[in-house]
Amino acid sequence: MFANFLIGLREGLEAALVVGILVAYLVKSDRRDLLPKIWVGVAIAVAVSVGFGALLTFGPKGLTFEAQEAIGGTLSIIAVIFVTWMIMWMSRTARSLKGELESEMDRAVQAGGASLVVVAVLAVGREGLETAMFLWANAKAVGSSTDPIIGAALGLATAVVLGWLMYRGSLRINLAKFFTWSGAFLVIVAAGVLAYGIHDLQEAAILPGLNSYAFDVSAQIPPDSWYGTLLKGTVNFTPNTTWLQAIAWVLYVVPVMWLFLRGVRHSAPSTNRSEPPRPQEIDRPVPQPHGAN
């Protein structure tokens, strides 16, 4: 539940920040009459994301075991690719996110009010689809159908409240640190989902080495123990891991974590803001330190 709570919180907060920037920009530019189109776009994005998650969960039935494992393994790997792209994108482009969204808004207003719906759908829908696929893959790896959904729902609800409080100026949090720590944790979670996807493909006889174990600590960490359940639910740890799973885990974590931390380090000087701009703050000159030219 905790891993999915964090996924829902991070992705929901990203979406909340995007919506906050869009709304604040329309309010500042005295275009409040266009706000309903933003909310229509957000509603469409949420509906599409929920529908996509339902399709993954209640998709075609009656398939053979091998076909189910093949589909599950493939979708798990796709989910890892998407969430990896999302983590890297956020670490590199946080500094320019506000400007890019405002440019898109200007073009959408000039093209017609309906274009604002498209901007909102694309901005929020991307986060929603990625979240739906990754939550499905993580829930499948954990083997529970209710706890991941509850955790994700709590995370999304918390993100909505935090986003609203930041927009109103009632709350300030260090978003740079939050996205750094949560992003690093999600890299570990994604590695576990990747390893589980590899195992699915091994069970589908698409990949070899199903019975070739790198380690088996089932006796020391029973899967049904509280600590085994905790490790499974947070980082998708499997007590009996095949060589192919272990190799895939290492080959994913090492370069992806390095690239992520490198991107965070390069963008750190420009990501000091702890909240989305409020309407009265947009276009306000940035104060210069004493002695600056």
Protein backbone atom coordinates (compact mmCIF):
# COMPACT_ATOMS: atom_id res chain seq x y z
CA MET A 1 0.00 0.00 0.00
CA PHE A 2 2.83 2.43 0.85
CA ALA A 3 4.53 2.07 -2.54
CA ASN A 4 1.28 2.72 -4.36
CA PHE A 5 0.45 5.60 -1.99
CA LEU A 6 3.76 7.20 -2.97
CA ILE A 7 3.10 6.61 -6.67
CA GLY A 8 -0.34 8.18 -6.39
CA LEU A 9 1.02 11.08 -4.31
CA ARG A 10 3.89 11.86 -6.67
CA GLU A 11 1.93 11.55 -9.91
CA GLY A 12 -1.08 13.32 -8.43
CA LEU A 13 1.07 16.17 -7.16
CA GLU A 14 2.68 16.56 -10.57
CA ALA A 15 -0.75 16.77 -12.17
CA ALA A 16 -1.94 19.19 -9.46
CA LEU A 17 1.03 21.46 -10.10
CA VAL A 18 0.31 21.45 -13.84
CA VAL A 19 -3.35 22.31 -13.27
CA GLY A 20 -2.33 25.00 -10.77
CA ILE A 21 -0.07 26.64 -13.34
CA LEU A 22 -2.78 26.55 -16.02
CA VAL A 23 -5.44 27.99 -13.71
CA ALA A 24 -3.13 30.65 -12.26
CA TYR A 25 -2.11 31.80 -15.73
CA LEU A 26 -5.71 32.21 -16.88
CA VAL A 27 -6.62 34.08 -13.69
CA LYS A 28 -3.61 36.43 -13.99
CA SER A 29 -4.30 37.14 -17.66
CA ASP A 30 -7.97 37.93 -16.85
CA ARG A 31 -9.36 34.95 -18.77
CA ARG A 32 -11.46 33.42 -16.04
CA ASP A 33 -14.20 32.67 -18.56
CA LEU A 34 -11.92 29.99 -20.02
CA LEU A 35 -11.45 28.13 -16.71
CA PRO A 36 -14.39 25.73 -17.34
CA LYS A 37 -12.57 24.41 -20.42
CA ILE A 38 -9.56 23.52 -18.27
CA TRP A 39 -11.80 21.60 -15.86
CA VAL A 40 -13.51 19.81 -18.75
CA GLY A 41 -10.10 18.71 -20.01
CA VAL A 42 -9.08 17.53 -16.54
CA ALA A 43 -12.33 15.55 -16.19
CA ILE A 44 -11.79 13.88 -19.58
CA ALA A 45 -8.20 13.00 -18.68
CA VAL A 46 -9.29 11.46 -15.37
CA ALA A 47 -12.07 9.47 -17.05
CA VAL A 48 -9.73 8.13 -19.74
CA SER A 49 -7.12 7.16 -17.13
CA VAL A 50 -9.69 5.34 -14.98
CA GLY A 51 -11.09 3.59 -18.04
CA PHE A 52 -7.60 2.53 -19.10
CA GLY A 53 -6.93 1.12 -15.63
CA ALA A 54 -10.24 -0.76 -15.70
CA LEU A 55 -9.39 -2.18 -19.12
CA LEU A 56 -6.07 -3.48 -17.82
CA THR A 57 -7.68 -4.96 -14.71
CA PHE A 58 -10.80 -6.46 -16.29
CA GLY A 59 -9.45 -7.15 -19.76
CA PRO A 60 -9.96 -10.25 -21.88
CA LYS A 61 -10.49 -13.42 -19.83
CA GLY A 62 -10.26 -17.07 -20.74
CA LEU A 63 -6.66 -16.90 -22.00
CA THR A 64 -4.19 -19.68 -21.36
CA PHE A 65 -1.78 -19.31 -18.44
CA GLU A 66 1.13 -18.72 -20.83
CA ALA A 67 -0.78 -16.04 -22.74
CA GLN A 68 -1.74 -14.26 -19.51
CA GLU A 69 1.86 -14.29 -18.30
CA ALA A 70 3.12 -13.07 -21.68
CA ILE A 71 0.68 -10.15 -21.70
CA GLY A 72 1.34 -9.33 -18.05
CA GLY A 73 5.11 -9.43 -18.48
CA THR A 74 5.04 -7.29 -21.60
CA LEU A 75 2.77 -4.66 -20.03
CA SER A 76 4.93 -4.60 -16.89
CA ILE A 77 8.01 -3.82 -18.95
CA ILE A 78 6.11 -1.12 -20.89
CA ALA A 79 4.98 0.38 -17.58
CA VAL A 80 8.60 0.51 -16.40
CA ILE A 81 9.60 2.30 -19.62
CA PHE A 82 6.85 4.89 -19.16
CA VAL A 83 7.55 5.57 -15.49
CA THR A 84 11.29 5.79 -16.19
CA TRP A 85 10.65 8.36 -18.90
CA MET A 86 8.40 10.29 -16.51
CA ILE A 87 11.01 10.35 -13.73
CA MET A 88 13.76 11.49 -16.09
CA TRP A 89 11.54 14.07 -17.75
CA MET A 90 10.58 15.64 -14.44
CA SER A 91 14.17 15.75 -13.21
CA ARG A 92 15.35 17.56 -16.37
CA THR A 93 12.47 19.84 -17.33
CA ALA A 94 11.13 21.07 -13.99
CA ARG A 95 12.93 24.38 -14.53
CA SER A 96 11.11 25.09 -17.81
CA LEU A 97 7.73 23.49 -17.06
CA LYS A 98 5.93 26.76 -16.22
CA GLY A 99 7.16 28.53 -19.36
CA GLU A 100 6.30 25.61 -21.64
CA LEU A 101 2.77 25.34 -20.27
CA GLU A 102 2.16 29.08 -20.58
CA SER A 103 3.36 29.03 -24.21
CA GLU A 104 0.97 26.16 -24.94
CA MET A 105 -1.84 28.09 -23.28
CA ASP A 106 -1.21 31.17 -25.42
CA ARG A 107 -1.27 29.10 -28.60
CA ALA A 108 -4.43 27.31 -27.46
CA VAL A 109 -6.26 30.57 -26.71
CA GLN A 110 -5.35 31.92 -30.14
CA ALA A 111 -6.48 28.72 -31.84
CA GLY A 112 -9.83 28.70 -30.03
CA GLY A 113 -11.25 27.85 -26.63
CA ALA A 114 -11.64 24.17 -27.49
CA SER A 115 -7.86 23.90 -27.77
CA LEU A 116 -7.61 24.57 -24.05
CA VAL A 117 -9.51 21.34 -23.43
CA VAL A 118 -6.90 19.51 -25.50
CA VAL A 119 -4.03 21.15 -23.59
CA ALA A 120 -5.54 20.09 -20.25
CA VAL A 121 -6.27 16.57 -21.49
CA LEU A 122 -2.70 16.09 -22.74
CA ALA A 123 -1.06 17.69 -19.69
CA VAL A 124 -3.05 15.70 -17.13
CA GLY A 125 -3.80 12.61 -19.22
CA ARG A 126 -0.13 11.77 -19.66
CA GLU A 127 0.30 11.56 -15.91
CA GLY A 128 -2.95 9.61 -15.54
CA LEU A 129 -2.16 6.96 -18.15
CA GLU A 130 1.34 6.43 -16.80
CA THR A 131 -0.04 6.13 -13.28
CA ALA A 132 -2.76 3.67 -14.29
CA MET A 133 -0.33 1.37 -16.10
CA PHE A 134 2.33 1.47 -13.40
CA LEU A 135 -0.17 0.93 -10.59
CA TRP A 136 -1.61 -2.05 -12.46
CA ALA A 137 1.84 -3.55 -12.98
CA ASN A 138 2.83 -2.94 -9.36
CA ALA A 139 -0.44 -4.41 -8.07
CA LYS A 140 0.06 -7.49 -10.23
CA ALA A 141 3.59 -7.91 -8.89
CA VAL A 142 2.42 -7.59 -5.30
CA GLY A 143 -0.45 -10.00 -5.88
CA SER A 144 -3.16 -7.95 -4.18
CA SER A 145 -6.14 -6.31 -5.85
CA THR A 146 -7.34 -4.03 -3.04
CA ASP A 147 -4.40 -2.66 -1.03
CA PRO A 148 -2.66 -1.07 -4.05
CA ILE A 149 -5.90 0.61 -5.12
CA ILE A 150 -6.54 1.94 -1.60
CA GLY A 151 -2.96 3.19 -1.30
CA ALA A 152 -3.07 4.90 -4.70
CA ALA A 153 -6.45 6.49 -3.96
CA LEU A 154 -5.15 7.87 -0.66
CA GLY A 155 -2.06 9.20 -2.42
CA LEU A 156 -4.09 10.91 -5.13
CA ALA A 157 -6.47 12.42 -2.57
CA THR A 158 -3.54 13.73 -0.55
CA ALA A 159 -2.00 15.21 -3.72
CA VAL A 160 -5.22 17.06 -4.54
CA VAL A 161 -5.37 18.58 -1.05
CA LEU A 162 -1.69 19.56 -1.11
CA GLY A 163 -2.01 21.04 -4.59
CA TRP A 164 -4.99 23.16 -3.53
CA LEU A 165 -3.24 24.36 -0.36
CA MET A 166 -0.11 25.32 -2.32
CA TYR A 167 -2.19 27.19 -4.88
CA ARG A 168 -3.93 29.12 -2.10
CA GLY A 169 -0.59 29.90 -0.50
CA SER A 170 -1.47 28.08 2.73
CA LEU A 171 1.30 25.50 2.40
CA ARG A 172 4.91 25.54 1.31
CA ILE A 173 6.90 22.35 0.80
CA ASN A 174 10.30 21.73 -0.73
CA LEU A 175 9.23 20.15 -4.01
CA ALA A 176 12.82 19.67 -5.15
CA LYS A 177 13.56 17.37 -2.20
CA PHE A 178 10.19 15.64 -2.46
CA PHE A 179 10.60 14.77 -6.14
CA THR A 180 14.23 13.74 -5.61
CA TRP A 181 13.51 11.28 -2.80
CA SER A 182 10.27 9.97 -4.30
CA GLY A 183 11.91 9.63 -7.71
CA ALA A 184 14.80 7.62 -6.28
CA PHE A 185 12.35 5.34 -4.46
CA LEU A 186 10.30 4.87 -7.64
CA VAL A 187 13.45 3.77 -9.49
CA ILE A 188 13.75 0.91 -6.97
CA VAL A 189 10.04 0.10 -7.29
CA ALA A 190 10.28 0.14 -11.09
CA ALA A 191 13.26 -2.23 -10.93
CA GLY A 192 11.11 -4.65 -8.93
CA VAL A 193 8.29 -4.39 -11.48
CA LEU A 194 10.82 -5.04 -14.26
CA ALA A 195 12.10 -8.14 -12.46
CA TYR A 196 8.54 -9.37 -12.01
CA GLY A 197 7.83 -8.77 -15.70
CA ILE A 198 10.91 -10.80 -16.58
CA HIS A 199 9.62 -13.62 -14.36
CA ASP A 200 6.24 -13.52 -16.14
CA LEU A 201 7.96 -13.88 -19.50
CA GLN A 202 9.99 -16.76 -18.10
CA GLU A 203 6.81 -18.50 -16.97
CA ALA A 204 5.36 -17.91 -20.45
CA ALA A 205 8.43 -19.76 -21.83
CA ILE A 206 9.42 -16.66 -23.81
CA LEU A 207 12.60 -16.12 -21.77
CA PRO A 208 14.83 -18.91 -20.41
CA GLY A 209 16.13 -19.60 -16.91
CA LEU A 210 12.90 -20.04 -14.94
CA ASN A 211 14.46 -22.54 -12.53
CA SER A 212 17.96 -21.05 -12.47
CA TYR A 213 18.11 -19.05 -9.23
CA ALA A 214 20.64 -16.38 -8.35
CA PHE A 215 19.54 -16.76 -4.71
CA ASP A 216 16.72 -18.32 -2.72
CA VAL A 217 16.17 -16.91 0.76
CA SER A 218 12.63 -18.17 1.18
CA ALA A 219 13.61 -19.91 4.41
CA GLN A 220 15.08 -16.72 5.87
CA ILE A 221 12.42 -14.38 4.43
CA PRO A 222 9.18 -16.36 4.11
CA PRO A 223 6.85 -14.73 1.57
CA ASP A 224 3.94 -14.96 4.02
CA SER A 225 5.83 -13.32 6.92
CA TRP A 226 5.18 -9.68 7.83
CA TYR A 227 8.65 -8.60 6.73
CA GLY A 228 8.43 -10.64 3.54
CA THR A 229 5.08 -9.02 2.80
CA LEU A 230 6.56 -5.60 3.59
CA LEU A 231 9.49 -6.07 1.20
CA LYS A 232 7.16 -7.45 -1.47
CA GLY A 233 4.71 -4.58 -1.11
CA THR A 234 7.27 -1.77 -1.08
CA VAL A 235 10.08 -2.75 -3.46
CA ASN A 236 8.68 -5.95 -5.05
CA PHE A 237 11.37 -8.10 -3.46
CA THR A 238 11.18 -11.79 -4.40
CA PRO A 239 12.91 -14.28 -2.05
CA ASN A 240 13.65 -16.68 -4.91
CA THR A 241 15.06 -14.58 -7.76
CA THR A 242 16.30 -16.04 -11.02
CA TRP A 243 19.59 -15.02 -12.56
CA LEU A 244 17.84 -13.20 -15.39
CA GLN A 245 15.72 -11.22 -12.92
CA ALA A 246 18.75 -10.28 -10.83
CA ILE A 247 20.77 -9.20 -13.87
CA ALA A 248 17.87 -7.13 -15.22
CA TRP A 249 17.40 -5.48 -11.81
CA VAL A 250 21.07 -4.45 -11.57
CA LEU A 251 21.30 -3.34 -15.21
CA TYR A 252 18.26 -1.14 -14.67
CA VAL A 253 18.96 0.36 -11.23
CA VAL A 254 22.60 1.34 -11.70
CA PRO A 255 22.37 3.44 -14.90
CA VAL A 256 18.85 4.79 -14.28
CA MET A 257 19.64 5.91 -10.72
CA TRP A 258 22.85 7.55 -11.93
CA LEU A 259 21.08 9.37 -14.75
CA PHE A 260 18.26 10.46 -12.45
CA LEU A 261 20.56 11.88 -9.77
CA ARG A 262 22.67 13.53 -12.46
CA GLY A 263 19.58 15.22 -13.90
CA VAL A 264 18.46 16.37 -10.44
CA ARG A 265 21.89 17.78 -9.69
CA HIS A 266 22.01 19.74 -12.96
CA SER A 267 18.52 21.20 -12.47
CA ALA A 268 18.86 21.95 -8.74
CA PRO A 269 19.81 25.66 -9.05
CA SER A 270 16.61 26.41 -10.95
CA THR A 271 14.08 24.37 -8.94
CA ASN A 272 14.05 26.20 -5.63
CA ARG A 273 10.36 27.18 -5.73
CA SER A 274 8.23 25.18 -3.34
CA GLU A 275 4.79 25.88 -4.81
CA PRO A 276 3.10 26.70 -8.10
CA PRO A 277 2.76 30.42 -8.81
CA ARG A 278 -0.32 32.05 -7.34
CA PRO A 279 -2.24 34.45 -9.60
CA GLN A 280 -0.77 37.53 -7.96
CA GLU A 281 2.79 36.21 -8.29
CA ILE A 282 2.97 35.56 -12.02
CA ASP A 283 5.29 37.95 -13.88
CA ARG A 284 6.44 39.52 -10.61
CA PRO A 285 10.19 40.40 -10.85
CA VAL A 286 12.42 38.03 -8.93
CA PRO A 287 14.16 39.86 -6.03
CA GLN A 288 17.92 40.12 -6.47
CA PRO A 289 20.31 39.48 -3.56
CA HIS A 290 22.12 42.45 -2.03
CA GLY A 291 25.14 43.41 -4.09
CA ALA A 292 23.89 41.77 -7.31
CA ASN A 293 24.33 43.68 -10.53
